[in-house]
């Protein structure tokens, strides 16, 4: 009888210990929304962006998201100073929870005075999503033109919530 009580107590301790361990499905995922300032990249000079991660699978850590941004500025161009507005939009895949590899396809609308141009973009980037909400990203954007493409570096910093 004494042996049976000892075995029951050991089993209870083991079960309590196993229950205290966080399970993969109980662990928090990345924050789904981000607001960040991006230098160069899809907005060409800079852009203020909102990003939303629609879905994230914890195994194999693949996510799908989209982002939109805006950039407004007066720039010295070939024929004088001009107001230019860019509206970048992108859909992306990410791999990783905190340290992520991102692959994106997008479109940047460019308005300059009465002129409009739109260019497709492709992005290869890295994003760090810190546990406190800090977000940092870096990568390269391919802005696709009719007769080639421009490679533009990208650096972003912001907050995830």
N, C-alpha and C. Protein backbone atom coordinates (compact mmCIF):
# COMPACT_ATOMS: atom_id res chain seq x y z
N UNK A 1 0.82 -1.19 0.00
CA UNK A 1 0.00 0.00 0.00
C UNK A 1 0.86 1.26 0.00
N UNK A 2 1.94 1.24 0.79
CA UNK A 2 2.86 2.35 0.87
C UNK A 2 3.48 2.61 -0.51
N UNK A 3 3.82 1.56 -1.19
CA UNK A 3 4.40 1.66 -2.54
C UNK A 3 3.40 2.29 -3.53
N UNK A 4 2.13 1.95 -3.41
CA UNK A 4 1.09 2.48 -4.27
C UNK A 4 0.90 3.98 -4.05
N UNK A 5 0.95 4.44 -2.81
CA UNK A 5 0.82 5.86 -2.48
C UNK A 5 2.01 6.64 -3.05
N UNK A 6 3.22 6.07 -2.88
CA UNK A 6 4.41 6.72 -3.42
C UNK A 6 4.33 6.86 -4.95
N UNK A 7 3.88 5.80 -5.61
CA UNK A 7 3.77 5.84 -7.07
C UNK A 7 2.72 6.87 -7.50
N UNK A 8 1.61 6.95 -6.77
CA UNK A 8 0.56 7.92 -7.10
C UNK A 8 1.06 9.35 -6.93
N UNK A 9 1.81 9.59 -5.87
CA UNK A 9 2.36 10.92 -5.63
C UNK A 9 3.37 11.29 -6.71
N UNK A 10 4.21 10.35 -7.11
CA UNK A 10 5.18 10.60 -8.18
C UNK A 10 4.47 10.93 -9.49
N UNK A 11 3.41 10.21 -9.78
CA UNK A 11 2.64 10.46 -10.99
C UNK A 11 2.01 11.85 -10.95
N UNK A 12 1.46 12.24 -9.81
CA UNK A 12 0.86 13.58 -9.67
C UNK A 12 1.90 14.68 -9.86
N UNK A 13 3.07 14.51 -9.27
CA UNK A 13 4.14 15.50 -9.42
C UNK A 13 4.56 15.60 -10.88
N UNK A 14 4.72 14.47 -11.56
CA UNK A 14 5.10 14.47 -12.97
C UNK A 14 4.03 15.16 -13.83
N UNK A 15 2.77 14.86 -13.56
CA UNK A 15 1.69 15.48 -14.33
C UNK A 15 1.63 16.98 -14.09
N UNK A 16 1.80 17.41 -12.84
CA UNK A 16 1.81 18.85 -12.55
C UNK A 16 2.98 19.53 -13.24
N UNK A 17 4.14 18.89 -13.24
CA UNK A 17 5.32 19.45 -13.88
C UNK A 17 5.11 19.56 -15.40
N UNK A 18 4.53 18.55 -15.99
CA UNK A 18 4.28 18.57 -17.43
C UNK A 18 3.24 19.64 -17.78
N UNK A 19 2.26 19.85 -16.93
CA UNK A 19 1.24 20.86 -17.19
C UNK A 19 1.83 22.27 -17.09
N UNK A 20 2.84 22.46 -16.24
CA UNK A 20 3.45 23.78 -16.06
C UNK A 20 4.31 24.18 -17.25
N UNK A 21 4.75 23.24 -18.07
CA UNK A 21 5.56 23.56 -19.25
C UNK A 21 4.68 24.18 -20.33
N UNK A 22 5.11 25.29 -20.93
CA UNK A 22 4.29 25.86 -22.01
C UNK A 22 4.31 24.96 -23.22
N UNK A 23 3.16 24.70 -23.77
CA UNK A 23 3.05 23.89 -24.97
C UNK A 23 3.22 24.78 -26.19
N UNK A 24 3.57 24.21 -27.32
CA UNK A 24 3.79 24.99 -28.55
C UNK A 24 2.55 25.78 -28.93
N UNK A 25 1.36 25.19 -28.75
CA UNK A 25 0.15 25.92 -29.13
C UNK A 25 -0.21 27.00 -28.12
N UNK A 26 0.34 26.95 -26.88
CA UNK A 26 0.06 27.96 -25.88
C UNK A 26 1.03 29.13 -25.95
N UNK A 27 2.17 28.96 -26.61
CA UNK A 27 3.17 30.02 -26.67
C UNK A 27 2.64 31.17 -27.52
N UNK A 28 2.90 32.40 -27.08
CA UNK A 28 2.39 33.53 -27.86
C UNK A 28 3.10 33.64 -29.20
N UNK A 29 2.35 34.00 -30.21
CA UNK A 29 2.92 34.21 -31.54
C UNK A 29 3.40 35.64 -31.67
N UNK A 30 3.85 36.02 -32.83
CA UNK A 30 4.30 37.40 -33.03
C UNK A 30 3.11 38.35 -33.00
N UNK A 31 3.40 39.59 -32.70
CA UNK A 31 2.35 40.60 -32.74
C UNK A 31 1.91 40.77 -34.19
N UNK A 32 0.63 40.97 -34.40
CA UNK A 32 0.06 40.94 -35.76
C UNK A 32 0.15 42.28 -36.50
N UNK A 33 0.29 43.40 -35.80
CA UNK A 33 0.29 44.72 -36.43
C UNK A 33 1.59 45.45 -36.16
N UNK A 34 2.03 46.24 -37.13
CA UNK A 34 3.25 47.04 -36.97
C UNK A 34 3.05 48.39 -37.63
N UNK A 35 3.63 49.41 -37.03
CA UNK A 35 3.74 50.73 -37.64
C UNK A 35 5.23 51.06 -37.64
N UNK A 36 5.75 51.43 -38.81
CA UNK A 36 7.19 51.67 -38.89
C UNK A 36 7.54 52.71 -39.94
N UNK A 37 8.70 53.32 -39.74
CA UNK A 37 9.27 54.27 -40.68
C UNK A 37 10.34 53.53 -41.47
N UNK A 38 10.26 53.65 -42.78
CA UNK A 38 11.20 52.93 -43.65
C UNK A 38 12.02 53.92 -44.45
N UNK A 39 13.33 53.76 -44.44
CA UNK A 39 14.21 54.57 -45.25
C UNK A 39 14.46 53.86 -46.57
N UNK A 40 14.33 54.60 -47.67
CA UNK A 40 14.43 54.06 -49.02
C UNK A 40 13.36 52.98 -49.18
N UNK A 41 13.66 51.85 -49.77
CA UNK A 41 12.68 50.77 -49.89
C UNK A 41 11.55 51.08 -50.85
N UNK A 42 10.36 50.53 -50.56
CA UNK A 42 9.21 50.65 -51.45
C UNK A 42 8.75 52.09 -51.65
N UNK A 43 8.96 52.96 -50.69
CA UNK A 43 8.56 54.37 -50.80
C UNK A 43 9.59 55.22 -51.52
N UNK A 44 10.64 54.63 -52.02
CA UNK A 44 11.74 55.22 -52.78
C UNK A 44 12.65 56.08 -51.90
N UNK A 45 12.15 57.14 -51.24
CA UNK A 45 12.99 57.95 -50.37
C UNK A 45 12.76 57.56 -48.91
N UNK A 46 11.52 57.59 -48.49
CA UNK A 46 11.12 57.15 -47.15
C UNK A 46 9.64 56.81 -47.23
N UNK A 47 9.11 56.16 -46.22
CA UNK A 47 7.66 55.96 -46.13
C UNK A 47 7.27 55.60 -44.70
N UNK A 48 6.06 55.97 -44.33
CA UNK A 48 5.45 55.59 -43.06
C UNK A 48 4.49 54.47 -43.41
N UNK A 49 4.62 53.31 -42.74
CA UNK A 49 3.89 52.11 -43.14
C UNK A 49 3.09 51.49 -42.01
N UNK A 50 2.01 50.82 -42.41
CA UNK A 50 1.23 49.97 -41.51
C UNK A 50 1.30 48.55 -42.08
N UNK A 51 1.56 47.59 -41.23
CA UNK A 51 1.74 46.20 -41.64
C UNK A 51 0.81 45.31 -40.81
N UNK A 52 0.19 44.33 -41.45
CA UNK A 52 -0.66 43.38 -40.72
C UNK A 52 -0.29 41.96 -41.13
N UNK A 53 -0.03 41.13 -40.15
CA UNK A 53 0.26 39.72 -40.37
C UNK A 53 -1.06 38.96 -40.26
N UNK A 54 -1.57 38.45 -41.39
CA UNK A 54 -2.88 37.80 -41.41
C UNK A 54 -2.88 36.45 -40.73
N UNK A 55 -1.90 35.63 -41.05
CA UNK A 55 -1.85 34.30 -40.44
C UNK A 55 -0.42 33.91 -40.20
N UNK A 56 -0.23 33.12 -39.15
CA UNK A 56 1.11 32.63 -38.81
C UNK A 56 0.96 31.22 -38.30
N UNK A 57 1.59 30.28 -38.97
CA UNK A 57 1.63 28.90 -38.49
C UNK A 57 2.88 28.75 -37.64
N UNK A 58 2.73 28.17 -36.46
CA UNK A 58 3.88 28.02 -35.57
C UNK A 58 4.81 26.92 -36.02
N UNK A 59 4.31 26.01 -36.81
CA UNK A 59 5.17 24.98 -37.37
C UNK A 59 4.75 24.79 -38.82
N UNK A 60 5.50 25.18 -39.76
CA UNK A 60 6.92 25.55 -39.80
C UNK A 60 7.19 27.04 -39.73
N UNK A 61 6.43 27.83 -38.99
CA UNK A 61 6.66 29.26 -38.76
C UNK A 61 6.54 30.10 -40.03
N UNK A 62 5.55 29.84 -40.84
CA UNK A 62 5.33 30.58 -42.07
C UNK A 62 4.16 31.53 -41.89
N UNK A 63 4.34 32.79 -42.27
CA UNK A 63 3.29 33.79 -42.14
C UNK A 63 2.98 34.46 -43.46
N UNK A 64 1.79 35.03 -43.54
CA UNK A 64 1.35 35.78 -44.71
C UNK A 64 0.87 37.14 -44.21
N UNK A 65 1.34 38.20 -44.85
CA UNK A 65 0.96 39.54 -44.41
C UNK A 65 0.87 40.52 -45.56
N UNK A 66 0.47 41.73 -45.23
CA UNK A 66 0.38 42.81 -46.21
C UNK A 66 0.74 44.12 -45.52
N UNK A 67 1.20 45.07 -46.32
CA UNK A 67 1.55 46.37 -45.78
C UNK A 67 1.19 47.46 -46.78
N UNK A 68 0.92 48.66 -46.24
CA UNK A 68 0.66 49.84 -47.05
C UNK A 68 1.38 51.00 -46.42
N UNK A 69 1.79 51.95 -47.26
CA UNK A 69 2.51 53.10 -46.74
C UNK A 69 2.22 54.35 -47.53
N UNK A 70 2.81 55.45 -47.05
CA UNK A 70 2.69 56.73 -47.74
C UNK A 70 3.96 57.53 -47.53
N UNK A 71 4.32 58.28 -48.54
CA UNK A 71 5.46 59.17 -48.48
C UNK A 71 5.10 60.44 -49.24
N UNK A 72 5.31 61.59 -48.62
CA UNK A 72 5.05 62.88 -49.26
C UNK A 72 6.27 63.76 -49.03
N UNK A 73 6.78 64.35 -50.08
CA UNK A 73 7.93 65.22 -49.93
C UNK A 73 8.18 66.06 -51.15
N UNK A 74 8.89 67.16 -50.95
CA UNK A 74 9.31 68.02 -52.05
C UNK A 74 10.77 67.71 -52.32
N UNK A 75 11.06 67.35 -53.53
CA UNK A 75 12.41 66.90 -53.89
C UNK A 75 12.93 67.72 -55.06
N UNK A 76 14.22 67.98 -55.06
CA UNK A 76 14.88 68.66 -56.15
C UNK A 76 15.12 67.64 -57.25
N UNK A 77 14.37 67.74 -58.34
CA UNK A 77 14.48 66.80 -59.45
C UNK A 77 15.15 67.49 -60.63
N UNK A 78 15.13 66.89 -61.79
CA UNK A 78 15.83 67.42 -62.96
C UNK A 78 15.42 68.85 -63.31
N UNK A 79 14.13 69.16 -63.26
CA UNK A 79 13.64 70.46 -63.72
C UNK A 79 13.12 71.30 -62.56
N UNK A 80 13.74 71.22 -61.43
CA UNK A 80 13.33 72.04 -60.30
C UNK A 80 12.69 71.22 -59.19
N UNK A 81 12.18 71.95 -58.23
CA UNK A 81 11.57 71.34 -57.06
C UNK A 81 10.17 70.83 -57.40
N UNK A 82 9.83 69.67 -56.88
CA UNK A 82 8.54 69.07 -57.19
C UNK A 82 8.01 68.29 -55.99
N UNK A 83 6.69 68.33 -55.79
CA UNK A 83 6.05 67.54 -54.74
C UNK A 83 5.82 66.13 -55.28
N UNK A 84 6.31 65.15 -54.56
CA UNK A 84 6.14 63.76 -54.98
C UNK A 84 5.49 62.98 -53.84
N UNK A 85 4.48 62.17 -54.19
CA UNK A 85 3.81 61.30 -53.25
C UNK A 85 3.94 59.87 -53.75
N UNK A 86 4.31 58.97 -52.85
CA UNK A 86 4.35 57.55 -53.21
C UNK A 86 3.43 56.79 -52.27
N UNK A 87 2.77 55.79 -52.83
CA UNK A 87 1.89 54.91 -52.06
C UNK A 87 2.32 53.47 -52.31
N UNK A 88 3.22 52.94 -51.47
CA UNK A 88 3.64 51.55 -51.65
C UNK A 88 2.66 50.58 -51.00
N UNK A 89 2.42 49.46 -51.65
CA UNK A 89 1.59 48.37 -51.11
C UNK A 89 2.32 47.07 -51.41
N UNK A 90 2.21 46.09 -50.51
CA UNK A 90 2.95 44.85 -50.70
C UNK A 90 2.26 43.71 -49.96
N UNK A 91 2.32 42.52 -50.54
CA UNK A 91 1.94 41.28 -49.87
C UNK A 91 3.23 40.48 -49.69
N UNK A 92 3.36 39.78 -48.56
CA UNK A 92 4.62 39.09 -48.30
C UNK A 92 4.40 37.76 -47.57
N UNK A 93 5.41 36.92 -47.69
CA UNK A 93 5.52 35.68 -46.92
C UNK A 93 6.67 35.87 -45.95
N UNK A 94 6.53 35.37 -44.74
CA UNK A 94 7.64 35.43 -43.78
C UNK A 94 7.90 34.04 -43.23
N UNK A 95 9.15 33.81 -42.88
CA UNK A 95 9.54 32.54 -42.27
C UNK A 95 10.30 32.87 -40.99
N UNK A 96 9.77 32.45 -39.87
CA UNK A 96 10.37 32.70 -38.57
C UNK A 96 9.40 33.45 -37.67
N UNK A 97 9.62 33.35 -36.35
CA UNK A 97 8.74 34.04 -35.41
C UNK A 97 9.34 35.36 -34.95
N UNK A 98 10.54 35.34 -34.38
CA UNK A 98 11.18 36.56 -33.90
C UNK A 98 12.14 37.11 -34.95
N UNK A 99 12.97 36.25 -35.52
CA UNK A 99 13.88 36.60 -36.60
C UNK A 99 13.29 36.03 -37.88
N UNK A 100 12.90 36.90 -38.80
CA UNK A 100 12.14 36.46 -39.97
C UNK A 100 12.83 36.79 -41.28
N UNK A 101 12.76 35.85 -42.20
CA UNK A 101 13.11 36.10 -43.59
C UNK A 101 11.81 36.45 -44.28
N UNK A 102 11.80 37.53 -45.08
CA UNK A 102 10.58 37.95 -45.75
C UNK A 102 10.80 38.06 -47.26
N UNK A 103 9.80 37.60 -48.01
CA UNK A 103 9.78 37.71 -49.46
C UNK A 103 8.48 38.39 -49.83
N UNK A 104 8.57 39.52 -50.55
CA UNK A 104 7.36 40.27 -50.86
C UNK A 104 7.26 40.69 -52.30
N UNK A 105 6.03 40.85 -52.76
CA UNK A 105 5.72 41.40 -54.08
C UNK A 105 4.75 42.55 -53.87
N UNK A 106 5.01 43.66 -54.57
CA UNK A 106 4.16 44.81 -54.35
C UNK A 106 4.06 45.72 -55.55
N UNK A 107 3.50 46.89 -55.29
CA UNK A 107 3.30 47.89 -56.32
C UNK A 107 3.42 49.26 -55.66
N UNK A 108 4.21 50.13 -56.23
CA UNK A 108 4.37 51.48 -55.71
C UNK A 108 3.79 52.47 -56.70
N UNK A 109 2.79 53.24 -56.26
CA UNK A 109 2.20 54.30 -57.07
C UNK A 109 2.96 55.58 -56.80
N UNK A 110 3.37 56.29 -57.85
CA UNK A 110 4.17 57.50 -57.72
C UNK A 110 3.40 58.64 -58.38
N UNK A 111 3.11 59.68 -57.59
CA UNK A 111 2.41 60.86 -58.08
C UNK A 111 3.37 62.04 -57.99
N UNK A 112 3.58 62.72 -59.11
CA UNK A 112 4.43 63.90 -59.13
C UNK A 112 3.72 64.96 -59.96
N UNK A 113 3.17 65.97 -59.27
CA UNK A 113 2.40 66.99 -59.98
C UNK A 113 1.20 66.35 -60.65
N UNK A 114 1.09 66.55 -61.98
CA UNK A 114 -0.02 65.94 -62.71
C UNK A 114 0.37 64.60 -63.33
N UNK A 115 1.55 64.11 -63.04
CA UNK A 115 2.03 62.85 -63.62
C UNK A 115 1.85 61.69 -62.63
N UNK A 116 1.59 60.53 -63.18
CA UNK A 116 1.44 59.31 -62.38
C UNK A 116 2.28 58.20 -63.00
N UNK A 117 2.92 57.44 -62.16
CA UNK A 117 3.63 56.24 -62.61
C UNK A 117 3.44 55.18 -61.53
N UNK A 118 3.37 53.97 -61.95
CA UNK A 118 3.27 52.85 -61.03
C UNK A 118 4.32 51.82 -61.38
N UNK A 119 4.95 51.25 -60.38
CA UNK A 119 6.02 50.28 -60.62
C UNK A 119 5.85 49.07 -59.71
N UNK A 120 5.96 47.86 -60.28
CA UNK A 120 5.96 46.66 -59.44
C UNK A 120 7.27 46.58 -58.65
N UNK A 121 7.20 45.96 -57.50
CA UNK A 121 8.39 45.79 -56.65
C UNK A 121 8.49 44.35 -56.17
N UNK A 122 9.70 43.96 -55.84
CA UNK A 122 9.97 42.66 -55.21
C UNK A 122 10.94 42.94 -54.06
N UNK A 123 10.75 42.26 -52.94
CA UNK A 123 11.58 42.53 -51.76
C UNK A 123 12.10 41.24 -51.14
N UNK A 124 13.35 41.28 -50.76
CA UNK A 124 13.99 40.23 -49.95
C UNK A 124 14.48 40.94 -48.71
N UNK A 125 13.99 40.51 -47.54
CA UNK A 125 14.34 41.24 -46.34
C UNK A 125 14.41 40.37 -45.09
N UNK A 126 14.89 41.00 -44.03
CA UNK A 126 14.99 40.41 -42.70
C UNK A 126 14.20 41.30 -41.76
N UNK A 127 13.47 40.69 -40.82
CA UNK A 127 12.76 41.47 -39.82
C UNK A 127 12.96 40.84 -38.45
N UNK A 128 13.27 41.69 -37.47
CA UNK A 128 13.36 41.27 -36.08
C UNK A 128 12.14 41.81 -35.36
N UNK A 129 11.37 40.92 -34.75
CA UNK A 129 10.21 41.30 -33.95
C UNK A 129 10.55 41.00 -32.50
N UNK A 130 10.90 42.03 -31.75
CA UNK A 130 11.28 41.85 -30.36
C UNK A 130 10.10 41.57 -29.46
N UNK A 131 10.33 40.93 -28.32
CA UNK A 131 9.23 40.59 -27.42
C UNK A 131 8.56 41.82 -26.82
N UNK A 132 9.25 42.96 -26.74
CA UNK A 132 8.65 44.17 -26.17
C UNK A 132 7.92 45.03 -27.19
N UNK A 133 7.87 44.58 -28.45
CA UNK A 133 7.18 45.35 -29.47
C UNK A 133 8.10 46.08 -30.43
N UNK A 134 9.40 46.09 -30.15
CA UNK A 134 10.36 46.75 -31.04
C UNK A 134 10.49 45.95 -32.34
N UNK A 135 10.52 46.65 -33.47
CA UNK A 135 10.65 46.00 -34.77
C UNK A 135 11.77 46.67 -35.56
N UNK A 136 12.61 45.86 -36.18
CA UNK A 136 13.71 46.35 -36.99
C UNK A 136 13.78 45.51 -38.26
N UNK A 137 13.92 46.16 -39.40
CA UNK A 137 13.98 45.43 -40.66
C UNK A 137 15.06 45.97 -41.58
N UNK A 138 15.55 45.12 -42.46
CA UNK A 138 16.54 45.51 -43.46
C UNK A 138 16.37 44.60 -44.67
N UNK A 139 16.72 45.11 -45.84
CA UNK A 139 16.60 44.28 -47.01
C UNK A 139 16.93 45.04 -48.28
N UNK A 140 16.50 44.49 -49.39
CA UNK A 140 16.71 45.10 -50.70
C UNK A 140 15.42 45.02 -51.49
N UNK A 141 15.11 46.10 -52.20
CA UNK A 141 13.92 46.20 -53.02
C UNK A 141 14.35 46.25 -54.48
N UNK A 142 13.67 45.51 -55.31
CA UNK A 142 13.86 45.62 -56.76
C UNK A 142 12.67 46.40 -57.29
N UNK A 143 12.90 47.63 -57.76
CA UNK A 143 11.87 48.46 -58.39
C UNK A 143 11.96 48.18 -59.89
N UNK A 144 10.94 47.56 -60.42
CA UNK A 144 10.99 47.04 -61.79
C UNK A 144 10.53 48.11 -62.77
N UNK A 145 11.40 48.46 -63.70
CA UNK A 145 11.13 49.44 -64.75
C UNK A 145 10.88 48.71 -66.07
N UNK A 146 10.51 49.45 -67.09
CA UNK A 146 10.26 48.87 -68.39
C UNK A 146 11.51 48.21 -68.98
N UNK A 147 12.66 48.85 -68.80
CA UNK A 147 13.88 48.36 -69.42
C UNK A 147 14.90 47.87 -68.40
N UNK A 148 14.47 47.41 -67.26
CA UNK A 148 15.40 46.93 -66.24
C UNK A 148 14.82 47.11 -64.85
N UNK A 149 15.70 47.23 -63.88
CA UNK A 149 15.24 47.43 -62.50
C UNK A 149 16.28 48.18 -61.70
N UNK A 150 15.81 48.83 -60.65
CA UNK A 150 16.66 49.52 -59.69
C UNK A 150 16.70 48.69 -58.42
N UNK A 151 17.86 48.47 -57.86
CA UNK A 151 17.98 47.83 -56.55
C UNK A 151 18.12 48.92 -55.51
N UNK A 152 17.22 48.93 -54.55
CA UNK A 152 17.18 49.97 -53.53
C UNK A 152 17.32 49.30 -52.15
N UNK A 153 18.29 49.74 -51.33
CA UNK A 153 18.38 49.18 -49.97
C UNK A 153 17.20 49.66 -49.14
N UNK A 154 16.92 48.96 -48.07
CA UNK A 154 15.77 49.28 -47.22
C UNK A 154 16.14 49.07 -45.77
N UNK A 155 15.77 50.02 -44.92
CA UNK A 155 15.98 49.91 -43.47
C UNK A 155 14.72 50.44 -42.80
N UNK A 156 14.17 49.69 -41.86
CA UNK A 156 12.94 50.13 -41.18
C UNK A 156 13.05 49.92 -39.68
N UNK A 157 12.38 50.80 -38.95
CA UNK A 157 12.33 50.71 -37.49
C UNK A 157 10.94 51.14 -37.05
N UNK A 158 10.38 50.42 -36.08
CA UNK A 158 9.04 50.75 -35.62
C UNK A 158 8.59 49.93 -34.44
N UNK A 159 7.27 49.86 -34.28
CA UNK A 159 6.66 49.17 -33.14
C UNK A 159 5.66 48.15 -33.64
N UNK A 160 5.63 47.00 -32.99
CA UNK A 160 4.63 45.96 -33.26
C UNK A 160 3.66 45.92 -32.09
N UNK A 161 2.40 45.68 -32.40
CA UNK A 161 1.39 45.60 -31.34
C UNK A 161 0.34 44.57 -31.70
